[in-house]
Amino acid sequence: MFKFRNDTRFVEYPKAVTGQYSIKAEQKIAENKTEDRFNTKWITIGYLTKKFSKEENKYIYTATDSAGNQIFQNIKELHVLKQAFRDNGKQLAENAQMVRLARISKTNKSERTNNRQRNIDLKNLRDKKNHEVLKQEQKAKNLKTEKELDAKNTEKYKDTEHSKTENPPKETSQEEVKPDIENQDEQDKVSERMDELEEIREQDNGIEQDLEMDM
């Protein structure tokens, strides 16, 4: 909340650069800090610029509000312009305060946007960094796993070679094959003997039959 007073003052700049304003008009306002306390301060409500006119052979003054919009265009006398600022000081102060608050809001919005973008950029940077860290950790983990597998395979290969050295496969020798051959020969002899015995029995039976017939 603000209270706009009818106190108007003019700040003159005698060494102002040509084309710039030479007088600044200010209005006193009371800004509500608490319920029963106001803080008074001066805010800029407009500018007066002095230029020398060769045609009229005198200085001509123009006035603008705090936003740079030209006002009081038909007034060329300095004391008349000052009186116009005094008469319209409250309205000019309200306009100036609205412009100032809008500028502050825009600045704050811009800062919030910048902060939001900055936070997004920082988050993306952290995510990228974390991704790289995880990638390196995974790479180191894979390398460790490969080394462990290589070590296990090497150990397994050594155990296999050692086992082959201690227990070489038996080779079949002629001596081991020979008993099988001898065994086969014996079986053949037995078979032949059985055939001979069978023939002898058949002959004996024939002789017996002949004797019976003769009798």
Protein backbone atom coordinates (compact mmCIF):
# COMPACT_ATOMS: atom_id res chain seq x y z
CA MET A 1 0.00 0.00 0.00
CA PHE A 2 1.24 3.51 -0.87
CA LYS A 3 0.24 7.01 0.07
CA PHE A 4 1.07 9.63 -2.52
CA ARG A 5 1.64 13.10 -1.12
CA ASN A 6 1.56 16.40 -2.90
CA ASP A 7 5.24 16.99 -2.18
CA THR A 8 7.06 17.50 -5.49
CA ARG A 9 10.72 18.38 -5.94
CA PHE A 10 13.03 19.01 -8.89
CA VAL A 11 16.65 17.90 -9.05
CA GLU A 12 18.65 19.96 -11.54
CA TYR A 13 21.78 18.79 -13.40
CA PRO A 14 23.53 21.92 -14.73
CA LYS A 15 26.19 19.89 -16.56
CA ALA A 16 23.81 17.59 -18.37
CA VAL A 17 24.92 16.43 -21.82
CA THR A 18 23.02 17.96 -24.75
CA GLY A 19 20.01 15.83 -25.57
CA GLN A 20 19.74 14.40 -22.05
CA TYR A 21 17.40 15.64 -19.34
CA SER A 22 18.64 18.44 -17.15
CA ILE A 23 15.93 18.30 -14.47
CA LYS A 24 14.42 15.28 -12.73
CA ALA A 25 11.00 15.58 -11.11
CA GLU A 26 10.36 13.46 -7.99
CA GLN A 27 7.31 12.86 -5.84
CA LYS A 28 7.23 11.75 -2.21
CA ILE A 29 5.31 8.61 -1.33
CA ALA A 30 4.71 6.78 1.91
CA GLU A 31 5.20 3.00 1.62
CA ASN A 32 3.41 0.85 4.17
CA LYS A 33 5.95 -1.27 6.04
CA THR A 34 3.66 -2.38 8.85
CA GLU A 35 0.05 -1.72 9.81
CA ASP A 36 0.81 1.55 11.54
CA ARG A 37 4.17 2.45 10.05
CA PHE A 38 4.99 4.07 6.72
CA ASN A 39 8.38 4.60 5.18
CA THR A 40 8.58 7.76 3.09
CA LYS A 41 10.74 7.99 -0.01
CA TRP A 42 11.03 9.89 -3.27
CA ILE A 43 10.29 8.30 -6.63
CA THR A 44 10.94 9.72 -10.10
CA ILE A 45 7.79 10.90 -11.89
CA GLY A 46 9.33 12.56 -14.97
CA TYR A 47 12.14 14.44 -16.67
CA LEU A 48 12.57 17.92 -18.14
CA THR A 49 15.01 18.32 -21.02
CA LYS A 50 16.47 21.67 -22.00
CA LYS A 51 17.46 22.41 -25.61
CA PHE A 52 18.50 25.68 -27.24
CA SER A 53 16.37 26.78 -30.22
CA LYS A 54 18.19 28.94 -32.75
CA GLU A 55 14.90 29.92 -34.40
CA GLU A 56 13.46 31.26 -31.16
CA ASN A 57 16.90 32.17 -29.74
CA LYS A 58 16.08 30.65 -26.35
CA TYR A 59 15.99 27.37 -24.45
CA ILE A 60 12.98 25.18 -25.00
CA TYR A 61 11.94 22.59 -22.40
CA THR A 62 10.19 19.32 -23.07
CA ALA A 63 8.79 16.93 -20.48
CA THR A 64 8.48 13.12 -20.31
CA ASP A 65 7.11 10.79 -17.68
CA SER A 66 9.16 8.13 -15.89
CA ALA A 67 8.58 5.67 -18.78
CA GLY A 68 9.92 8.16 -21.37
CA ASN A 69 6.52 9.14 -22.83
CA GLN A 70 6.29 12.83 -23.75
CA ILE A 71 3.84 14.89 -21.66
CA PHE A 72 2.79 18.50 -21.44
CA GLN A 73 3.77 19.03 -25.08
CA ASN A 74 2.23 22.47 -25.50
CA ILE A 75 4.05 23.98 -22.51
CA LYS A 76 7.44 25.58 -23.23
CA GLU A 77 8.03 27.70 -20.17
CA LEU A 78 10.03 26.11 -17.34
CA HIS A 79 7.99 27.46 -14.42
CA VAL A 80 4.76 26.42 -16.16
CA LEU A 81 6.10 22.89 -16.66
CA LYS A 82 7.14 22.66 -13.03
CA GLN A 83 3.68 23.72 -11.94
CA ALA A 84 2.15 21.07 -14.23
CA PHE A 85 4.28 18.42 -12.51
CA ARG A 86 3.11 19.68 -9.12
CA ASP A 87 -0.55 19.67 -10.17
CA ASN A 88 -0.32 16.16 -11.59
CA GLY A 89 2.31 14.77 -9.25
CA LYS A 90 0.03 12.27 -7.51
CA GLN A 91 -1.20 10.73 -10.79
CA LEU A 92 2.33 10.69 -12.26
CA ALA A 93 3.59 9.02 -9.06
CA GLU A 94 0.90 6.31 -9.27
CA ASN A 95 1.82 5.66 -12.92
CA ALA A 96 5.52 5.61 -12.07
CA GLN A 97 4.92 3.19 -9.22
CA MET A 98 2.92 0.86 -11.49
CA VAL A 99 5.72 0.97 -14.07
CA ARG A 100 8.30 0.31 -11.36
CA LEU A 101 6.36 -2.66 -9.95
CA ALA A 102 5.81 -4.06 -13.45
CA ARG A 103 9.54 -3.73 -14.13
CA ILE A 104 10.34 -5.45 -10.84
CA SER A 105 7.87 -8.24 -11.62
CA LYS A 106 9.36 -8.66 -15.08
CA THR A 107 12.86 -8.72 -13.63
CA ASN A 108 11.85 -11.27 -11.01
CA LYS A 109 10.13 -13.38 -13.65
CA SER A 110 13.21 -13.19 -15.83
CA GLU A 111 15.38 -14.14 -12.88
CA ARG A 112 13.08 -17.06 -12.04
CA THR A 113 13.23 -18.19 -15.66
CA ASN A 114 17.00 -17.86 -15.67
CA ASN A 115 17.25 -19.71 -12.37
CA ARG A 116 14.94 -22.44 -13.66
CA GLN A 117 17.01 -22.81 -16.82
CA ARG A 118 20.18 -22.74 -14.77
CA ASN A 119 18.83 -25.50 -12.53
CA ILE A 120 17.87 -27.54 -15.60
CA ASP A 121 21.36 -27.07 -17.05
CA LEU A 122 22.95 -28.05 -13.74
CA LYS A 123 20.70 -31.11 -13.49
CA ASN A 124 21.58 -32.15 -17.06
CA LEU A 125 25.25 -31.63 -16.26
CA ARG A 126 24.98 -33.72 -13.09
CA ASP A 127 23.04 -36.43 -14.93
CA LYS A 128 25.67 -36.51 -17.65
CA LYS A 129 28.43 -36.69 -15.07
CA ASN A 130 26.64 -39.46 -13.15
CA HIS A 131 26.10 -41.33 -16.42
CA GLU A 132 29.81 -41.12 -17.20
CA VAL A 133 30.67 -42.29 -13.68
CA LEU A 134 28.25 -45.23 -13.93
CA LYS A 135 29.63 -46.03 -17.37
CA GLN A 136 33.20 -46.10 -16.03
CA GLU A 137 32.13 -48.19 -13.03
CA GLN A 138 30.34 -50.68 -15.30
CA LYS A 139 33.37 -50.83 -17.58
CA ALA A 140 35.65 -51.52 -14.60
CA LYS A 141 33.20 -54.16 -13.32
CA ASN A 142 33.09 -55.89 -16.70
CA LEU A 143 36.89 -55.83 -16.90
CA LYS A 144 37.14 -57.36 -13.42
CA THR A 145 34.64 -60.07 -14.36
CA GLU A 146 36.58 -60.87 -17.53
CA LYS A 147 39.81 -61.17 -15.54
CA GLU A 148 38.16 -63.49 -12.99
CA LEU A 149 36.76 -65.69 -15.78
CA ASP A 150 40.15 -65.80 -17.49
CA ALA A 151 41.78 -66.80 -14.19
CA LYS A 152 39.20 -69.57 -13.63
CA ASN A 153 39.60 -70.90 -17.17
CA THR A 154 43.39 -70.86 -16.82
CA GLU A 155 43.19 -72.74 -13.50
CA LYS A 156 40.76 -75.27 -14.98
CA TYR A 157 43.06 -75.83 -17.95
CA LYS A 158 46.04 -76.39 -15.63
CA ASP A 159 44.06 -78.93 -13.56
CA THR A 160 43.07 -80.81 -16.71
CA GLU A 161 46.63 -80.96 -18.01
CA HIS A 162 47.88 -82.05 -14.58
CA SER A 163 45.27 -84.83 -14.46
CA LYS A 164 46.30 -86.04 -17.91
CA THR A 165 49.94 -86.13 -16.79
CA GLU A 166 49.23 -88.15 -13.63
CA ASN A 167 46.72 -90.57 -15.24
CA PRO A 168 47.70 -91.09 -18.89
CA PRO A 169 45.26 -93.16 -20.96
CA LYS A 170 46.14 -96.88 -21.24
CA GLU A 171 47.15 -98.08 -24.65
CA THR A 172 46.17 -101.55 -25.83
CA SER A 173 49.27 -103.70 -26.31
CA GLN A 174 49.77 -106.85 -28.33
CA GLU A 175 50.11 -108.82 -25.11
CA GLU A 176 46.63 -107.71 -23.97
CA VAL A 177 45.13 -108.68 -27.29
CA LYS A 178 46.90 -112.07 -27.36
CA PRO A 179 44.91 -113.71 -24.55
CA ASP A 180 41.75 -112.97 -26.42
CA ILE A 181 43.15 -114.71 -29.49
CA GLU A 182 44.27 -117.77 -27.47
CA ASN A 183 40.89 -117.97 -25.81
CA GLN A 184 39.23 -118.00 -29.22
CA ASP A 185 41.50 -120.85 -30.35
CA GLU A 186 40.59 -122.91 -27.32
CA GLN A 187 36.92 -122.38 -27.99
CA ASP A 188 37.39 -123.52 -31.56
CA LYS A 189 39.22 -126.69 -30.38
CA VAL A 190 36.48 -127.49 -27.89
CA SER A 191 33.88 -127.04 -30.59
CA GLU A 192 35.77 -129.37 -32.93
CA ARG A 193 36.10 -131.97 -30.14
CA MET A 194 32.41 -131.83 -29.46
CA ASP A 195 31.72 -132.45 -33.15
CA GLU A 196 34.01 -135.48 -33.15
CA LEU A 197 32.32 -136.95 -30.09
CA GLU A 198 28.96 -136.46 -31.72
CA GLU A 199 30.12 -138.35 -34.81
CA ILE A 200 31.46 -141.21 -32.65
CA ARG A 201 28.13 -141.54 -30.86
CA GLU A 202 26.30 -141.68 -34.15
CA GLN A 203 28.66 -144.44 -35.37
CA ASP A 204 28.19 -146.44 -32.16
CA ASN A 205 24.45 -146.21 -32.49
CA GLY A 206 24.63 -147.49 -36.06
CA ILE A 207 26.71 -150.50 -35.05
CA GLU A 208 24.29 -151.36 -32.27
CA GLN A 209 21.34 -151.20 -34.66
CA ASP A 210 23.12 -153.53 -37.13
CA LEU A 211 23.83 -156.09 -34.41
CA GLU A 212 20.20 -156.10 -33.33
CA MET A 213 19.06 -156.73 -36.87
CA ASP A 214 21.50 -159.62 -37.31
CA MET A 215 20.24 -161.27 -34.17
